[in-house]
Structures are given as structure tokens and as C-alpha cells.
N, C-alpha and C. Protein backbone atom coordinates (compact mmCIF):
# COMPACT_ATOMS: atom_id res chain seq x y z
N UNK A 1 110.59 123.31 162.24
CA UNK A 1 112.44 122.48 163.08
C UNK A 1 112.74 123.96 161.47
N UNK A 2 113.81 124.57 161.74
CA UNK A 2 114.60 125.47 161.01
C UNK A 2 116.05 125.61 160.85
N UNK A 3 116.18 124.96 159.80
CA UNK A 3 117.22 124.07 159.54
C UNK A 3 117.50 124.63 157.85
N UNK A 4 118.61 124.11 156.82
CA UNK A 4 118.61 124.40 155.47
C UNK A 4 117.68 124.63 154.72
N UNK A 5 117.59 123.35 154.63
CA UNK A 5 116.28 122.77 154.38
C UNK A 5 114.47 123.96 154.10
N UNK A 6 114.47 124.32 155.23
CA UNK A 6 113.51 125.34 155.22
C UNK A 6 113.59 126.24 155.04
N UNK A 7 115.25 127.35 154.74
CA UNK A 7 115.69 128.00 154.78
C UNK A 7 115.50 128.31 153.09
N UNK A 8 115.94 127.12 152.58
CA UNK A 8 115.66 126.68 150.95
C UNK A 8 114.45 126.66 150.42
N UNK A 9 113.65 126.45 151.30
CA UNK A 9 111.91 125.95 150.92
C UNK A 9 111.23 127.74 150.75
N UNK A 10 112.11 128.94 151.44
CA UNK A 10 111.76 130.32 151.44
C UNK A 10 112.04 130.71 149.96
N UNK A 11 113.21 129.96 149.13
CA UNK A 11 113.63 131.17 148.32
C UNK A 11 112.14 131.46 147.55
N UNK A 12 112.28 132.06 146.81
CA UNK A 12 111.56 132.62 145.61
C UNK A 12 110.97 131.31 144.50
N UNK A 13 109.37 130.71 144.71
CA UNK A 13 109.09 129.54 143.69
C UNK A 13 110.09 129.12 142.14
N UNK A 14 109.96 130.75 141.66
CA UNK A 14 111.00 131.04 140.27
C UNK A 14 112.79 130.57 140.37
N UNK A 15 113.62 130.89 141.60
CA UNK A 15 114.20 130.60 141.97
C UNK A 15 114.05 129.23 141.48
N UNK A 16 113.71 128.53 143.22
CA UNK A 16 113.94 126.32 142.70
C UNK A 16 113.55 125.91 141.54
N UNK A 17 112.41 126.15 140.48
CA UNK A 17 112.54 126.07 139.29
C UNK A 17 113.11 125.79 138.65
N UNK A 18 113.59 126.99 138.82
CA UNK A 18 115.43 127.06 137.58
C UNK A 18 116.34 126.43 137.64
N UNK A 19 116.07 126.01 139.54
CA UNK A 19 117.53 124.86 140.11
C UNK A 19 117.17 123.53 139.45
N UNK A 20 116.26 123.52 139.81
CA UNK A 20 115.67 122.40 139.88
C UNK A 20 115.65 121.30 137.77
N UNK A 21 114.63 122.63 137.18
CA UNK A 21 115.71 122.16 135.95
C UNK A 21 116.33 122.32 135.18
N UNK A 22 117.28 123.62 135.35
CA UNK A 22 119.03 123.35 134.54
C UNK A 22 119.87 121.14 135.55
N UNK A 23 119.38 121.30 136.70
CA UNK A 23 119.85 120.25 136.88
C UNK A 23 119.58 119.10 136.05
N UNK A 24 117.99 118.86 136.53
CA UNK A 24 117.40 118.02 135.39
C UNK A 24 117.52 118.13 133.86
N UNK A 25 118.36 118.65 133.11
CA UNK A 25 118.98 119.36 132.20
C UNK A 25 120.28 118.83 131.97
N UNK A 26 121.29 118.67 132.88
CA UNK A 26 122.34 119.02 132.82
C UNK A 26 122.95 117.85 133.46
N UNK A 27 122.03 116.91 134.21
CA UNK A 27 122.01 115.33 134.95
C UNK A 27 120.27 114.53 134.38
N UNK A 28 120.17 114.44 132.90
CA UNK A 28 118.67 113.85 133.05
C UNK A 28 118.10 112.11 133.27
N UNK A 29 119.47 111.65 133.95
CA UNK A 29 118.84 110.08 134.47
C UNK A 29 119.50 109.81 136.35
N UNK A 30 118.97 111.54 136.85
CA UNK A 30 119.13 111.89 138.63
C UNK A 30 117.97 112.55 138.03
N UNK A 31 117.62 112.61 139.76
CA UNK A 31 116.40 112.86 139.76
C UNK A 31 117.41 113.99 140.94
N UNK A 32 116.65 115.32 141.29
CA UNK A 32 116.88 116.64 142.52
C UNK A 32 116.20 115.63 144.05
N UNK A 33 116.82 115.56 144.78
CA UNK A 33 116.55 115.89 146.37
C UNK A 33 116.67 116.37 147.10
N UNK A 34 115.41 117.11 148.04
CA UNK A 34 116.12 118.27 149.07
C UNK A 34 116.10 116.54 150.73
N UNK A 35 116.89 116.96 151.20
CA UNK A 35 116.88 116.09 152.22
C UNK A 35 116.24 116.65 153.38
N UNK A 36 115.82 116.54 154.31
CA UNK A 36 115.31 117.82 155.10
C UNK A 36 115.65 116.88 156.51
N UNK A 37 116.67 117.17 156.91
CA UNK A 37 117.70 116.53 157.65
C UNK A 37 117.09 116.34 159.40
N UNK A 38 117.54 115.81 160.48
CA UNK A 38 116.59 115.69 161.84
C UNK A 38 117.95 116.81 162.44
N UNK A 39 117.39 116.83 163.01
CA UNK A 39 118.00 118.07 164.19
C UNK A 39 119.30 117.46 164.27
N UNK A 40 118.77 116.22 164.97
CA UNK A 40 120.42 115.39 165.46
C UNK A 40 121.36 115.37 164.78
N UNK A 41 121.27 115.48 163.31
CA UNK A 41 122.94 115.45 162.33
C UNK A 41 123.57 117.14 162.43
N UNK A 42 123.73 117.34 163.11
CA UNK A 42 124.60 118.34 163.47
C UNK A 42 125.31 118.96 162.48
N UNK A 43 126.47 117.84 162.38
CA UNK A 43 127.34 118.27 161.58
C UNK A 43 127.47 117.74 160.08
N UNK A 44 126.13 117.56 159.21
CA UNK A 44 126.01 117.50 157.66
C UNK A 44 125.71 119.26 157.56
N UNK A 45 126.01 119.45 156.04
CA UNK A 45 125.40 120.53 156.08
C UNK A 45 125.21 120.41 154.80
N UNK A 46 124.94 119.49 153.74
CA UNK A 46 124.58 119.36 152.46
C UNK A 46 123.49 118.91 152.15
N UNK A 47 122.03 119.42 151.43
CA UNK A 47 120.96 119.03 152.83
C UNK A 47 120.24 118.54 150.34
N UNK A 48 120.96 119.16 149.58
CA UNK A 48 120.71 119.19 147.94
C UNK A 48 121.73 117.21 147.33
N UNK A 49 120.80 116.79 146.87
CA UNK A 49 121.78 116.02 146.38
C UNK A 49 120.78 115.79 145.06
N UNK A 50 121.63 115.09 144.11
CA UNK A 50 121.54 114.88 142.75
C UNK A 50 121.53 112.48 143.12
N UNK A 51 120.13 112.30 142.41
CA UNK A 51 120.11 111.25 142.78
C UNK A 51 120.02 110.02 142.05
N UNK A 52 120.64 109.09 141.49
CA UNK A 52 120.65 107.78 140.15
C UNK A 52 118.77 107.82 140.25
N UNK A 53 118.25 107.66 138.59
CA UNK A 53 117.00 106.94 139.20
C UNK A 53 116.46 106.14 139.27
N UNK A 54 117.36 105.36 138.89
CA UNK A 54 116.97 103.54 139.00
C UNK A 54 117.47 103.40 140.82
N UNK A 55 117.70 104.19 141.75
CA UNK A 55 118.02 104.17 143.59
C UNK A 55 116.96 103.64 143.36
N UNK A 56 116.82 102.65 144.62
CA UNK A 56 115.88 102.17 145.93
C UNK A 56 115.46 103.01 146.92
N UNK A 57 114.84 102.62 147.17
CA UNK A 57 113.99 103.41 148.79
C UNK A 57 115.88 102.90 149.80
N UNK A 58 116.19 101.49 149.35
CA UNK A 58 117.38 101.52 150.80
C UNK A 58 118.40 101.40 150.39
N UNK A 59 118.53 101.48 148.54
CA UNK A 59 119.83 101.90 148.40
C UNK A 59 120.27 103.70 148.78
N UNK A 60 119.04 104.09 148.93
CA UNK A 60 119.09 105.41 150.08
C UNK A 60 119.33 105.56 151.18
N UNK A 61 118.57 104.99 151.87
CA UNK A 61 119.09 104.95 152.64
C UNK A 61 120.04 104.80 153.29
N UNK A 62 120.45 103.84 152.53
CA UNK A 62 122.54 102.97 153.25
C UNK A 62 123.00 104.51 152.93
N UNK A 63 122.62 104.42 151.77
CA UNK A 63 123.58 105.58 151.09
C UNK A 63 123.50 107.21 152.49
N UNK A 64 122.64 107.38 152.69
CA UNK A 64 122.40 108.58 154.38
C UNK A 64 122.90 108.11 154.96
N UNK A 65 122.87 106.74 155.17
CA UNK A 65 123.48 106.43 156.63
C UNK A 65 124.95 106.42 156.37
N UNK A 66 125.96 106.39 155.13
CA UNK A 66 127.30 106.38 155.24
C UNK A 66 127.58 107.58 155.11
N UNK A 67 126.95 108.81 154.82
CA UNK A 67 126.57 109.83 155.16
C UNK A 67 127.39 110.45 156.14
N UNK A 68 125.98 110.45 156.88
CA UNK A 68 126.23 110.48 158.34
C UNK A 68 126.99 109.60 159.49
N UNK A 69 127.44 109.17 158.42
CA UNK A 69 128.40 107.44 159.17
C UNK A 69 127.72 107.56 160.91
N UNK A 70 125.93 107.22 160.82
CA UNK A 70 125.44 106.75 161.62
C UNK A 70 125.54 105.27 162.20
N UNK A 71 125.71 104.74 163.61
CA UNK A 71 125.68 104.05 164.47
C UNK A 71 124.85 102.52 163.99
N UNK A 72 125.74 102.04 164.15
CA UNK A 72 124.65 100.84 164.04
C UNK A 72 123.13 100.33 165.10
N UNK A 73 123.23 100.59 166.06
CA UNK A 73 122.14 101.25 166.82
C UNK A 73 121.21 102.02 166.23
N UNK A 74 120.92 102.72 165.40
CA UNK A 74 120.40 103.63 165.51
C UNK A 74 119.84 103.10 164.50
N UNK A 75 118.36 104.03 163.83
CA UNK A 75 117.57 103.42 163.28
C UNK A 75 117.78 104.81 162.30
N UNK A 76 117.29 104.71 160.54
CA UNK A 76 117.03 106.12 159.78
C UNK A 76 115.50 105.40 159.15
N UNK A 77 114.99 107.13 159.44
CA UNK A 77 113.41 106.88 158.50
C UNK A 77 112.96 107.40 157.42
N UNK A 78 112.95 106.97 156.20
CA UNK A 78 112.87 108.25 155.16
C UNK A 78 111.42 108.45 155.25
N UNK A 79 110.98 109.84 155.03
CA UNK A 79 109.36 110.71 154.93
C UNK A 79 109.33 111.02 153.17
N UNK A 80 108.17 110.37 152.44
CA UNK A 80 107.94 111.30 151.29
C UNK A 80 106.22 111.79 151.34
N UNK A 81 106.36 112.68 151.74
CA UNK A 81 104.76 112.84 151.32
C UNK A 81 104.56 112.71 152.69
N UNK A 82 104.76 112.63 154.42
CA UNK A 82 104.34 111.69 154.73
C UNK A 82 104.28 110.88 155.41
N UNK A 83 104.51 109.73 155.06
CA UNK A 83 104.31 108.03 154.92
C UNK A 83 106.01 107.89 154.13
N UNK A 84 106.02 106.74 155.05
CA UNK A 84 107.28 105.51 155.03
C UNK A 84 106.97 104.97 153.53
N UNK A 85 107.88 105.55 152.07
CA UNK A 85 108.09 104.57 151.04
C UNK A 85 108.73 102.91 150.99
N UNK A 86 108.30 102.27 150.75
CA UNK A 86 108.73 100.79 150.73
C UNK A 86 110.13 101.20 149.88
N UNK A 87 110.76 100.14 151.17
CA UNK A 87 111.87 99.67 150.75
C UNK A 87 112.41 99.48 149.50
N UNK A 88 111.66 98.63 148.29
CA UNK A 88 112.26 98.41 146.96
C UNK A 88 111.52 99.37 146.07
N UNK A 89 110.70 100.88 146.70
CA UNK A 89 110.11 101.11 145.60
C UNK A 89 111.87 101.87 144.77
N UNK A 90 111.33 102.52 143.48
CA UNK A 90 112.89 103.01 142.70
C UNK A 90 112.55 105.25 143.30
N UNK A 91 113.05 105.85 143.13
CA UNK A 91 113.33 106.85 143.43
C UNK A 91 112.71 107.68 142.79
N UNK A 92 112.98 107.02 141.15
CA UNK A 92 112.08 107.62 140.01
C UNK A 92 110.44 107.74 140.37
N UNK A 93 109.68 106.40 140.52
CA UNK A 93 108.74 106.39 140.91
C UNK A 93 108.32 107.24 142.68
N UNK A 94 108.35 107.51 143.31
CA UNK A 94 108.24 108.30 144.26
C UNK A 94 108.42 109.85 143.08
N UNK A 95 109.51 110.06 142.99
CA UNK A 95 109.78 111.23 142.42
C UNK A 95 108.66 112.12 141.29
N UNK A 96 108.47 111.40 140.87
CA UNK A 96 107.24 110.94 139.73
C UNK A 96 105.73 111.47 140.79
N UNK A 97 106.00 110.41 141.36
CA UNK A 97 104.42 110.53 142.26
C UNK A 97 104.45 111.93 143.25
N UNK A 98 105.13 112.23 143.61
CA UNK A 98 105.30 113.39 145.00
C UNK A 98 106.48 114.48 144.85
N UNK A 99 107.21 114.44 143.35
CA UNK A 99 107.37 115.65 143.64
C UNK A 99 107.14 116.94 143.19
N UNK A 100 107.77 118.32 144.20
CA UNK A 100 106.99 119.17 144.35
C UNK A 100 106.93 119.68 143.26
N UNK A 101 106.12 120.46 142.95
CA UNK A 101 105.36 121.81 141.15
C UNK A 101 106.99 122.70 141.45
N UNK A 102 107.83 122.95 142.17
CA UNK A 102 109.29 123.92 142.14
C UNK A 102 110.29 122.29 141.32
N UNK A 103 109.82 121.00 141.11
CA UNK A 103 110.75 120.32 140.30
C UNK A 103 111.80 119.64 141.58
N UNK A 104 111.54 119.78 143.07
CA UNK A 104 113.11 119.05 143.46
C UNK A 104 111.82 117.49 144.61
N UNK A 105 112.33 116.44 144.91
CA UNK A 105 111.44 115.70 145.12
C UNK A 105 112.20 116.01 146.77
N UNK A 106 111.39 116.22 148.23
CA UNK A 106 111.83 116.44 149.44
C UNK A 106 110.69 115.17 150.19
N UNK A 107 112.52 115.04 150.54
CA UNK A 107 112.72 113.21 151.90
C UNK A 107 112.79 114.28 153.54
N UNK A 108 111.93 113.99 154.39
CA UNK A 108 112.76 113.92 155.82
C UNK A 108 112.71 112.89 156.07
N UNK A 109 114.22 113.31 156.60
CA UNK A 109 114.95 112.64 157.73
C UNK A 109 114.82 112.24 159.42
N UNK A 110 114.72 110.45 159.70
CA UNK A 110 114.22 111.15 160.71
C UNK A 110 115.05 109.62 161.71
N UNK A 111 115.27 110.08 163.04
CA UNK A 111 116.37 109.16 163.38
C UNK A 111 116.06 108.72 165.13
N UNK A 112 116.35 107.00 164.82
CA UNK A 112 115.52 106.76 166.10
C UNK A 112 116.66 105.64 166.71
N UNK A 113 116.60 106.27 168.25
CA UNK A 113 117.54 104.80 168.63
C UNK A 113 116.60 103.53 168.97
N UNK A 114 117.16 101.98 168.74
CA UNK A 114 116.68 101.47 168.84
C UNK A 114 118.23 99.97 169.46
N UNK A 115 116.72 98.62 169.70
CA UNK A 115 117.81 97.99 170.76
C UNK A 115 118.04 98.78 171.87
N UNK A 116 117.50 99.37 172.66
CA UNK A 116 117.77 99.72 174.67
C UNK A 116 118.62 100.87 174.24
N UNK A 117 119.12 101.56 173.02
CA UNK A 117 120.48 102.51 173.52
C UNK A 117 119.16 103.66 174.06
């Protein structure tokens, strides 16, 4: 999937590392994440986010739903390190376990139709 996340990952490691380090210094209570969005989210141009470290995966899912204005019959799934994290998991724990060496947590976001739609 050639999207903005893919283009960001193509930047030199040192540039990405410097950016995440600066973000963490300016906002020590937040986690820098990169959303790798499903191609169906054509109207979303933002892919870098600073998320409060005490937020749960459930809150993150709800925030993403709000940002993309997702219909209730669509299911949203996030993947971290190719697995679905528990909705009760705290973002800082995911970051500590799965953040990339460049300092960002890469989160894939997938969309699925449910309820026969």
C-alpha cells in the first residue's frame, strides 16, 4: 500500500528518529504514532499523531472513528506488530513493547463491513 505512511517510512532513519525524539521531548506524556490507514480512507491526509500515553486501545479506536467519520455499520480494526491488541491495553505499554527503533509506534488501521452491508 503506497500511502503517506509508506512515504514517511522511506525517509532516512536519522530524520525519523530526530522527529520522534523532538516530539517526545516537547510532549513527554504523549506517544508518537504513525497510522497506516486502509486505502478506503481517501479523505484523511493526516497520519502522524501524538496520543496521550495513558489512553487505551478502545479510546484510540473511538478517536479514529471520530476522525474518519465512520458509519456505525463499519468495523474498525487496528494492528500493532501484525496482531490485534486488546482494547484494554494502554498505549504506553504498546509503545514500550512494539515501537520502531525510529521512535514511532506504527499502527495499521483496517476497515470491514459488518451487519450484512
